[in-house]
PDB file of N, CA and C in Angstrom:
ATOM      1  N   MET A   1       7.946 -77.050  86.519  1.00  0.00           N
ATOM      2  CA  MET A   1       7.336 -77.706  85.383  1.00  0.00           C
ATOM      3  C   MET A   1       8.390 -78.390  84.513  1.00  0.00           C
ATOM      4  N   SER A   2       9.510 -77.713  84.340  1.00  0.00           N
ATOM      5  CA  SER A   2      10.582 -78.310  83.544  1.00  0.00           C
ATOM      6  C   SER A   2      11.121 -79.559  84.225  1.00  0.00           C
ATOM      7  N   ASN A   3      11.240 -79.506  85.541  1.00  0.00           N
ATOM      8  CA  ASN A   3      11.691 -80.688  86.276  1.00  0.00           C
ATOM      9  C   ASN A   3      10.690 -81.833  86.146  1.00  0.00           C
ATOM     10  N   LEU A   4       9.409 -81.511  86.154  1.00  0.00           N
ATOM     11  CA  LEU A   4       8.392 -82.549  85.957  1.00  0.00           C
ATOM     12  C   LEU A   4       8.535 -83.167  84.568  1.00  0.00           C
ATOM     13  N   GLY A   5       8.840 -82.338  83.586  1.00  0.00           N
ATOM     14  CA  GLY A   5       9.075 -82.856  82.239  1.00  0.00           C
ATOM     15  C   GLY A   5      10.215 -83.858  82.231  1.00  0.00           C
ATOM     16  N   GLY A   6      11.290 -83.526  82.934  1.00  0.00           N
ATOM     17  CA  GLY A   6      12.427 -84.443  83.019  1.00  0.00           C
ATOM     18  C   GLY A   6      12.061 -85.755  83.683  1.00  0.00           C
ATOM     19  N   LEU A   7      11.266 -85.683  84.726  1.00  0.00           N
ATOM     20  CA  LEU A   7      10.809 -86.909  85.397  1.00  0.00           C
ATOM     21  C   LEU A   7       9.969 -87.759  84.448  1.00  0.00           C
ATOM     22  N   GLU A   8       9.101 -87.116  83.704  1.00  0.00           N
ATOM     23  CA  GLU A   8       8.251 -87.845  82.759  1.00  0.00           C
ATOM     24  C   GLU A   8       9.083 -88.502  81.658  1.00  0.00           C
ATOM     25  N   VAL A   9      10.124 -87.808  81.183  1.00  0.00           N
ATOM     26  CA  VAL A   9      11.002 -88.404  80.169  1.00  0.00           C
ATOM     27  C   VAL A   9      11.633 -89.673  80.719  1.00  0.00           C
ATOM     28  N   ARG A  10      12.148 -89.590  81.939  1.00  0.00           N
ATOM     29  CA  ARG A  10      12.807 -90.766  82.534  1.00  0.00           C
ATOM     30  C   ARG A  10      11.846 -91.927  82.750  1.00  0.00           C
ATOM     31  N   GLN A  11      10.567 -91.615  82.900  1.00  0.00           N
ATOM     32  CA  GLN A  11       9.554 -92.663  83.070  1.00  0.00           C
ATOM     33  C   GLN A  11       9.007 -93.154  81.724  1.00  0.00           C
ATOM     34  N   GLY A  12       9.432 -92.509  80.645  1.00  0.00           N
ATOM     35  CA  GLY A  12       8.955 -92.908  79.319  1.00  0.00           C
ATOM     36  C   GLY A  12       7.615 -92.316  78.928  1.00  0.00           C
ATOM     37  N   HIS A  13       7.183 -91.288  79.645  1.00  0.00           N
ATOM     38  CA  HIS A  13       5.895 -90.651  79.376  1.00  0.00           C
ATOM     39  C   HIS A  13       6.115 -89.403  78.518  1.00  0.00           C
ATOM     40  N   VAL A  14       6.270 -89.629  77.238  1.00  0.00           N
ATOM     41  CA  VAL A  14       6.670 -88.572  76.312  1.00  0.00           C
ATOM     42  C   VAL A  14       5.634 -87.458  76.224  1.00  0.00           C
ATOM     43  N   GLU A  15       4.376 -87.798  76.117  1.00  0.00           N
ATOM     44  CA  GLU A  15       3.338 -86.765  75.986  1.00  0.00           C
ATOM     45  C   GLU A  15       3.264 -85.899  77.233  1.00  0.00           C
ATOM     46  N   GLN A  16       3.409 -86.508  78.385  1.00  0.00           N
ATOM     47  CA  GLN A  16       3.409 -85.720  79.622  1.00  0.00           C
ATOM     48  C   GLN A  16       4.641 -84.827  79.690  1.00  0.00           C
ATOM     49  N   ALA A  17       5.764 -85.341  79.237  1.00  0.00           N
ATOM     50  CA  ALA A  17       6.983 -84.524  79.209  1.00  0.00           C
ATOM     51  C   ALA A  17       6.795 -83.330  78.290  1.00  0.00           C
ATOM     52  N   ARG A  18       6.237 -83.573  77.121  1.00  0.00           N
ATOM     53  CA  ARG A  18       5.952 -82.464  76.200  1.00  0.00           C
ATOM     54  C   ARG A  18       5.057 -81.415  76.866  1.00  0.00           C
ATOM     55  N   HIS A  19       4.028 -81.901  77.547  1.00  0.00           N
ATOM     56  CA  HIS A  19       3.096 -81.007  78.235  1.00  0.00           C
ATOM     57  C   HIS A  19       3.828 -80.103  79.216  1.00  0.00           C
ATOM     58  N   TRP A  20       4.639 -80.683  80.080  1.00  0.00           N
ATOM     59  CA  TRP A  20       5.316 -79.891  81.109  1.00  0.00           C
ATOM     60  C   TRP A  20       6.385 -78.977  80.521  1.00  0.00           C
ATOM     61  N   TYR A  21       7.151 -79.462  79.564  1.00  0.00           N
ATOM     62  CA  TYR A  21       8.154 -78.607  78.930  1.00  0.00           C
ATOM     63  C   TYR A  21       7.486 -77.436  78.205  1.00  0.00           C
ATOM     64  N   THR A  22       6.381 -77.705  77.523  1.00  0.00           N
ATOM     65  CA  THR A  22       5.678 -76.642  76.805  1.00  0.00           C
ATOM     66  C   THR A  22       5.142 -75.599  77.781  1.00  0.00           C
ATOM     67  N   ARG A  23       4.583 -76.041  78.877  1.00  0.00           N
ATOM     68  CA  ARG A  23       4.085 -75.098  79.892  1.00  0.00           C
ATOM     69  C   ARG A  23       5.215 -74.282  80.483  1.00  0.00           C
ATOM     70  N   ALA A  24       6.348 -74.915  80.740  1.00  0.00           N
ATOM     71  CA  ALA A  24       7.496 -74.182  81.296  1.00  0.00           C
ATOM     72  C   ALA A  24       8.022 -73.162  80.289  1.00  0.00           C
ATOM     73  N   ALA A  25       8.073 -73.538  79.026  1.00  0.00           N
ATOM     74  CA  ALA A  25       8.542 -72.613  77.986  1.00  0.00           C
ATOM     75  C   ALA A  25       7.587 -71.433  77.838  1.00  0.00           C
ATOM     76  N   ALA A  26       6.315 -71.661  78.033  1.00  0.00           N
ATOM     77  CA  ALA A  26       5.312 -70.598  77.881  1.00  0.00           C
ATOM     78  C   ALA A  26       5.377 -69.566  79.001  1.00  0.00           C
ATOM     79  N   THR A  27       6.056 -69.870  80.095  1.00  0.00           N
ATOM     80  CA  THR A  27       6.135 -68.914  81.196  1.00  0.00           C
ATOM     81  C   THR A  27       6.940 -67.677  80.824  1.00  0.00           C
ATOM     82  N   GLU A  28       7.814 -67.810  79.846  1.00  0.00           N
ATOM     83  CA  GLU A  28       8.711 -66.741  79.430  1.00  0.00           C
ATOM     84  C   GLU A  28       9.648 -66.290  80.552  1.00  0.00           C
ATOM     85  N   HIS A  29       9.779 -67.103  81.579  1.00  0.00           N
ATOM     86  CA  HIS A  29      10.741 -66.811  82.648  1.00  0.00           C
ATOM     87  C   HIS A  29      12.135 -66.859  82.037  1.00  0.00           C
ATOM     88  N   PRO A  30      12.991 -65.874  82.308  1.00  0.00           N
ATOM     89  CA  PRO A  30      14.287 -65.790  81.623  1.00  0.00           C
ATOM     90  C   PRO A  30      15.240 -66.954  81.890  1.00  0.00           C
ATOM     91  N   GLU A  31      15.054 -67.669  82.966  1.00  0.00           N
ATOM     92  CA  GLU A  31      15.904 -68.822  83.250  1.00  0.00           C
ATOM     93  C   GLU A  31      15.226 -70.137  82.877  1.00  0.00           C
ATOM     94  N   ILE A  32      13.970 -70.259  83.202  1.00  0.00           N
ATOM     95  CA  ILE A  32      13.253 -71.529  83.041  1.00  0.00           C
ATOM     96  C   ILE A  32      12.813 -71.773  81.604  1.00  0.00           C
ATOM     97  N   ALA A  33      12.241 -70.768  80.960  1.00  0.00           N
ATOM     98  CA  ALA A  33      11.681 -70.952  79.613  1.00  0.00           C
ATOM     99  C   ALA A  33      12.732 -71.388  78.588  1.00  0.00           C
ATOM    100  N   PRO A  34      13.918 -70.767  78.546  1.00  0.00           N
ATOM    101  CA  PRO A  34      14.910 -71.218  77.557  1.00  0.00           C
ATOM    102  C   PRO A  34      15.357 -72.664  77.774  1.00  0.00           C
ATOM    103  N   GLU A  35      15.547 -73.041  79.025  1.00  0.00           N
ATOM    104  CA  GLU A  35      15.953 -74.426  79.316  1.00  0.00           C
ATOM    105  C   GLU A  35      14.869 -75.409  78.915  1.00  0.00           C
ATOM    106  N   ALA A  36      13.614 -75.060  79.180  1.00  0.00           N
ATOM    107  CA  ALA A  36      12.506 -75.941  78.807  1.00  0.00           C
ATOM    108  C   ALA A  36      12.415 -76.073  77.285  1.00  0.00           C
ATOM    109  N   ALA A  37      12.596 -74.976  76.568  1.00  0.00           N
ATOM    110  CA  ALA A  37      12.550 -75.027  75.102  1.00  0.00           C
ATOM    111  C   ALA A  37      13.673 -75.901  74.564  1.00  0.00           C
ATOM    112  N   GLU A  38      14.854 -75.771  75.152  1.00  0.00           N
ATOM    113  CA  GLU A  38      15.979 -76.600  74.713  1.00  0.00           C
ATOM    114  C   GLU A  38      15.704 -78.084  74.980  1.00  0.00           C
ATOM    115  N   LYS A  39      15.217 -78.382  76.159  1.00  0.00           N
ATOM    116  CA  LYS A  39      14.906 -79.775  76.499  1.00  0.00           C
ATOM    117  C   LYS A  39      13.831 -80.335  75.575  1.00  0.00           C
ATOM    118  N   LEU A  40      12.841 -79.524  75.275  1.00  0.00           N
ATOM    119  CA  LEU A  40      11.784 -79.969  74.371  1.00  0.00           C
ATOM    120  C   LEU A  40      12.344 -80.205  72.976  1.00  0.00           C
ATOM    121  N   GLY A  41      13.227 -79.326  72.525  1.00  0.00           N
ATOM    122  CA  GLY A  41      13.856 -79.517  71.228  1.00  0.00           C
ATOM    123  C   GLY A  41      14.656 -80.799  71.155  1.00  0.00           C
ATOM    124  N   ARG A  42      15.433 -81.066  72.203  1.00  0.00           N
ATOM    125  CA  ARG A  42      16.217 -82.308  72.221  1.00  0.00           C
ATOM    126  C   ARG A  42      15.320 -83.535  72.279  1.00  0.00           C
ATOM    127  N   LEU A  43      14.211 -83.443  73.009  1.00  0.00           N
ATOM    128  CA  LEU A  43      13.256 -84.551  73.067  1.00  0.00           C
ATOM    129  C   LEU A  43      12.679 -84.816  71.679  1.00  0.00           C
ATOM    130  N   GLU A  44      12.318 -83.757  70.979  1.00  0.00           N
ATOM    131  CA  GLU A  44      11.747 -83.922  69.638  1.00  0.00           C
ATOM    132  C   GLU A  44      12.771 -84.515  68.667  1.00  0.00           C
ATOM    133  N   VAL A  45      14.042 -84.166  68.822  1.00  0.00           N
ATOM    134  CA  VAL A  45      15.079 -84.796  67.990  1.00  0.00           C
ATOM    135  C   VAL A  45      15.078 -86.294  68.232  1.00  0.00           C
ATOM    136  N   GLN A  46      15.064 -86.703  69.488  1.00  0.00           N
ATOM    137  CA  GLN A  46      15.085 -88.125  69.830  1.00  0.00           C
ATOM    138  C   GLN A  46      13.866 -88.850  69.269  1.00  0.00           C
ATOM    139  N   LEU A  47      12.733 -88.147  69.229  1.00  0.00           N
ATOM    140  CA  LEU A  47      11.494 -88.761  68.751  1.00  0.00           C
ATOM    141  C   LEU A  47      11.330 -88.671  67.243  1.00  0.00           C
ATOM    142  N   GLY A  48      12.220 -87.922  66.598  1.00  0.00           N
ATOM    143  CA  GLY A  48      12.185 -87.842  65.143  1.00  0.00           C
ATOM    144  C   GLY A  48      11.317 -86.753  64.561  1.00  0.00           C
ATOM    145  N   ASP A  49      10.761 -85.888  65.391  1.00  0.00           N
ATOM    146  CA  ASP A  49       9.963 -84.765  64.881  1.00  0.00           C
ATOM    147  C   ASP A  49      10.900 -83.576  64.694  1.00  0.00           C
ATOM    148  N   LEU A  50      11.574 -83.556  63.552  1.00  0.00           N
ATOM    149  CA  LEU A  50      12.621 -82.562  63.325  1.00  0.00           C
ATOM    150  C   LEU A  50      12.068 -81.168  63.074  1.00  0.00           C
ATOM    151  N   VAL A  51      10.844 -81.065  62.616  1.00  0.00           N
ATOM    152  CA  VAL A  51      10.234 -79.746  62.439  1.00  0.00           C
ATOM    153  C   VAL A  51      10.052 -79.080  63.798  1.00  0.00           C
ATOM    154  N   GLU A  52       9.465 -79.807  64.722  1.00  0.00           N
ATOM    155  CA  GLU A  52       9.275 -79.269  66.076  1.00  0.00           C
ATOM    156  C   GLU A  52      10.617 -79.077  66.772  1.00  0.00           C
ATOM    157  N   ALA A  53      11.540 -79.992  66.563  1.00  0.00           N
ATOM    158  CA  ALA A  53      12.865 -79.865  67.168  1.00  0.00           C
ATOM    159  C   ALA A  53      13.526 -78.570  66.732  1.00  0.00           C
ATOM    160  N   ARG A  54      13.486 -78.300  65.438  1.00  0.00           N
ATOM    161  CA  ARG A  54      14.091 -77.063  64.924  1.00  0.00           C
ATOM    162  C   ARG A  54      13.425 -75.834  65.536  1.00  0.00           C
ATOM    163  N   ARG A  55      12.119 -75.875  65.630  1.00  0.00           N
ATOM    164  CA  ARG A  55      11.370 -74.728  66.174  1.00  0.00           C
ATOM    165  C   ARG A  55      11.776 -74.441  67.615  1.00  0.00           C
ATOM    166  N   TRP A  56      11.806 -75.471  68.443  1.00  0.00           N
ATOM    167  CA  TRP A  56      12.130 -75.275  69.853  1.00  0.00           C
ATOM    168  C   TRP A  56      13.607 -74.938  70.057  1.00  0.00           C
ATOM    169  N   LEU A  57      14.472 -75.585  69.309  1.00  0.00           N
ATOM    170  CA  LEU A  57      15.904 -75.287  69.455  1.00  0.00           C
ATOM    171  C   LEU A  57      16.218 -73.868  68.985  1.00  0.00           C
ATOM    172  N   ALA A  58      15.594 -73.433  67.911  1.00  0.00           N
ATOM    173  CA  ALA A  58      15.803 -72.062  67.438  1.00  0.00           C
ATOM    174  C   ALA A  58      15.290 -71.059  68.471  1.00  0.00           C
ATOM    175  N   ALA A  59      14.168 -71.359  69.084  1.00  0.00           N
ATOM    176  CA  ALA A  59      13.636 -70.481  70.126  1.00  0.00           C
ATOM    177  C   ALA A  59      14.611 -70.386  71.298  1.00  0.00           C
ATOM    178  N   ALA A  60      15.150 -71.530  71.717  1.00  0.00           N
ATOM    179  CA  ALA A  60      16.102 -71.546  72.831  1.00  0.00           C
ATOM    180  C   ALA A  60      17.391 -70.829  72.460  1.00  0.00           C
ATOM    181  N   ALA A  61      17.841 -71.009  71.229  1.00  0.00           N
ATOM    182  CA  ALA A  61      19.081 -70.373  70.778  1.00  0.00           C
ATOM    183  C   ALA A  61      18.935 -68.858  70.693  1.00  0.00           C
ATOM    184  N   GLY A  62      17.736 -68.372  70.533  1.00  0.00           N
ATOM    185  CA  GLY A  62      17.508 -66.941  70.402  1.00  0.00           C
ATOM    186  C   GLY A  62      17.280 -66.211  71.710  1.00  0.00           C
ATOM    187  N   THR A  63      17.511 -66.861  72.822  1.00  0.00           N
ATOM    188  CA  THR A  63      17.285 -66.221  74.122  1.00  0.00           C
ATOM    189  C   THR A  63      18.562 -65.566  74.634  1.00  0.00           C
ATOM    190  N   THR A  64      18.418 -64.860  75.740  1.00  0.00           N
ATOM    191  CA  THR A  64      19.568 -64.199  76.364  1.00  0.00           C
ATOM    192  C   THR A  64      20.098 -64.980  77.566  1.00  0.00           C
ATOM    193  N   HIS A  65      19.652 -66.185  77.732  1.00  0.00           N
ATOM    194  CA  HIS A  65      20.136 -67.032  78.816  1.00  0.00           C
ATOM    195  C   HIS A  65      21.650 -67.168  78.713  1.00  0.00           C
ATOM    196  N   ALA A  66      22.318 -67.338  79.830  1.00  0.00           N
ATOM    197  CA  ALA A  66      23.783 -67.384  79.839  1.00  0.00           C
ATOM    198  C   ALA A  66      24.363 -68.609  79.140  1.00  0.00           C
ATOM    199  N   VAL A  67      23.687 -69.753  79.192  1.00  0.00           N
ATOM    200  CA  VAL A  67      24.260 -70.999  78.698  1.00  0.00           C
ATOM    201  C   VAL A  67      23.434 -71.637  77.584  1.00  0.00           C
ATOM    202  N   VAL A  68      22.142 -71.591  77.690  1.00  0.00           N
ATOM    203  CA  VAL A  68      21.242 -72.320  76.804  1.00  0.00           C
ATOM    204  C   VAL A  68      21.428 -71.996  75.322  1.00  0.00           C
ATOM    205  N   PRO A  69      21.570 -70.741  74.914  1.00  0.00           N
ATOM    206  CA  PRO A  69      21.671 -70.470  73.473  1.00  0.00           C
ATOM    207  C   PRO A  69      22.808 -71.223  72.783  1.00  0.00           C
ATOM    208  N   GLY A  70      23.949 -71.313  73.422  1.00  0.00           N
ATOM    209  CA  GLY A  70      25.063 -72.042  72.819  1.00  0.00           C
ATOM    210  C   GLY A  70      24.792 -73.521  72.675  1.00  0.00           C
ATOM    211  N   ARG A  71      24.235 -74.113  73.722  1.00  0.00           N
ATOM    212  CA  ARG A  71      23.901 -75.546  73.664  1.00  0.00           C
ATOM    213  C   ARG A  71      22.848 -75.816  72.616  1.00  0.00           C
ATOM    214  N   ALA A  72      21.812 -74.965  72.581  1.00  0.00           N
ATOM    215  CA  ALA A  72      20.727 -75.162  71.621  1.00  0.00           C
ATOM    216  C   ALA A  72      21.235 -74.986  70.194  1.00  0.00           C
ATOM    217  N   ALA A  73      22.079 -73.989  69.974  1.00  0.00           N
ATOM    218  CA  ALA A  73      22.624 -73.761  68.636  1.00  0.00           C
ATOM    219  C   ALA A  73      23.483 -74.936  68.196  1.00  0.00           C
ATOM    220  N   LEU A  74      24.267 -75.491  69.113  1.00  0.00           N
ATOM    221  CA  LEU A  74      25.099 -76.647  68.787  1.00  0.00           C
ATOM    222  C   LEU A  74      24.231 -77.862  68.451  1.00  0.00           C
ATOM    223  N   THR A  75      23.197 -78.091  69.225  1.00  0.00           N
ATOM    224  CA  THR A  75      22.290 -79.209  68.942  1.00  0.00           C
ATOM    225  C   THR A  75      21.613 -79.011  67.588  1.00  0.00           C
ATOM    226  N   LEU A  76      21.201 -77.782  67.309  1.00  0.00           N
ATOM    227  CA  LEU A  76      20.570 -77.480  66.026  1.00  0.00           C
ATOM    228  C   LEU A  76      21.556 -77.681  64.876  1.00  0.00           C
ATOM    229  N   ALA A  77      22.788 -77.250  65.050  1.00  0.00           N
ATOM    230  CA  ALA A  77      23.808 -77.438  64.005  1.00  0.00           C
ATOM    231  C   ALA A  77      24.066 -78.925  63.768  1.00  0.00           C
ATOM    232  N   ASN A  78      24.134 -79.708  64.837  1.00  0.00           N
ATOM    233  CA  ASN A  78      24.335 -81.155  64.695  1.00  0.00           C
ATOM    234  C   ASN A  78      23.157 -81.801  63.979  1.00  0.00           C
ATOM    235  N   LEU A  79      21.948 -81.356  64.300  1.00  0.00           N
ATOM    236  CA  LEU A  79      20.762 -81.878  63.623  1.00  0.00           C
ATOM    237  C   LEU A  79      20.857 -81.594  62.134  1.00  0.00           C
ATOM    238  N   GLU A  80      21.186 -80.358  61.778  1.00  0.00           N
ATOM    239  CA  GLU A  80      21.281 -79.985  60.362  1.00  0.00           C
ATOM    240  C   GLU A  80      22.400 -80.767  59.665  1.00  0.00           C
ATOM    241  N   PHE A  81      23.525 -80.910  60.323  1.00  0.00           N
ATOM    242  CA  PHE A  81      24.639 -81.654  59.743  1.00  0.00           C
ATOM    243  C   PHE A  81      24.241 -83.100  59.483  1.00  0.00           C
ATOM    244  N   ASN A  82      23.593 -83.715  60.461  1.00  0.00           N
ATOM    245  CA  ASN A  82      23.165 -85.116  60.311  1.00  0.00           C
ATOM    246  C   ASN A  82      22.102 -85.283  59.235  1.00  0.00           C
ATOM    247  N   GLU A  83      21.391 -84.222  58.917  1.00  0.00           N
ATOM    248  CA  GLU A  83      20.384 -84.247  57.853  1.00  0.00           C
ATOM    249  C   GLU A  83      20.984 -83.787  56.524  1.00  0.00           C
ATOM    250  N   HIS A  84      22.297 -83.679  56.479  1.00  0.00           N
ATOM    251  CA  HIS A  84      23.037 -83.272  55.275  1.00  0.00           C
ATOM    252  C   HIS A  84      22.689 -81.854  54.824  1.00  0.00           C
ATOM    253  N   GLN A  85      22.326 -81.016  55.774  1.00  0.00           N
ATOM    254  CA  GLN A  85      22.066 -79.605  55.523  1.00  0.00           C
ATOM    255  C   GLN A  85      23.291 -78.812  55.983  1.00  0.00           C
ATOM    256  N   HIS A  86      24.402 -79.041  55.314  1.00  0.00           N
ATOM    257  CA  HIS A  86      25.689 -78.525  55.768  1.00  0.00           C
ATOM    258  C   HIS A  86      25.744 -77.002  55.804  1.00  0.00           C
ATOM    259  N   GLU A  87      25.126 -76.351  54.863  1.00  0.00           N
ATOM    260  CA  GLU A  87      25.129 -74.877  54.876  1.00  0.00           C
ATOM    261  C   GLU A  87      24.368 -74.345  56.097  1.00  0.00           C
ATOM    262  N   LYS A  88      23.239 -74.943  56.400  1.00  0.00           N
ATOM    263  CA  LYS A  88      22.491 -74.538  57.581  1.00  0.00           C
ATOM    264  C   LYS A  88      23.281 -74.826  58.853  1.00  0.00           C
ATOM    265  N   ALA A  89      24.001 -75.926  58.874  1.00  0.00           N
ATOM    266  CA  ALA A  89      24.792 -76.287  60.046  1.00  0.00           C
ATOM    267  C   ALA A  89      25.892 -75.275  60.307  1.00  0.00           C
ATOM    268  N   ARG A  90      26.409 -74.660  59.257  1.00  0.00           N
ATOM    269  CA  ARG A  90      27.493 -73.678  59.424  1.00  0.00           C
ATOM    270  C   ARG A  90      27.009 -72.373  60.027  1.00  0.00           C
ATOM    271  N   VAL A  91      25.756 -72.051  59.821  1.00  0.00           N
ATOM    272  CA  VAL A  91      25.225 -70.772  60.300  1.00  0.00           C
ATOM    273  C   VAL A  91      25.025 -70.871  61.757  1.00  0.00           C
TER     274      VAL A  91
END
């Protein structure tokens, strides 16, 4: 499902990408769900929905995945920094 989301993003089908990423995140699979949440968060940043971006990135950052939490936290910190939320970016 996450791979389908990526294909939809590359085709410019944002709503379909959201659909597949959301379904993949809902699986709660320890490898797939965190990556899907991170991808969805980054997609929402690109689309300007920062509320949803923060929600998905925070969810991804709070997982036990080996790699995703660090990437998601960095993306979230960059989002906060770019929004002049410097204290939040430091956390």
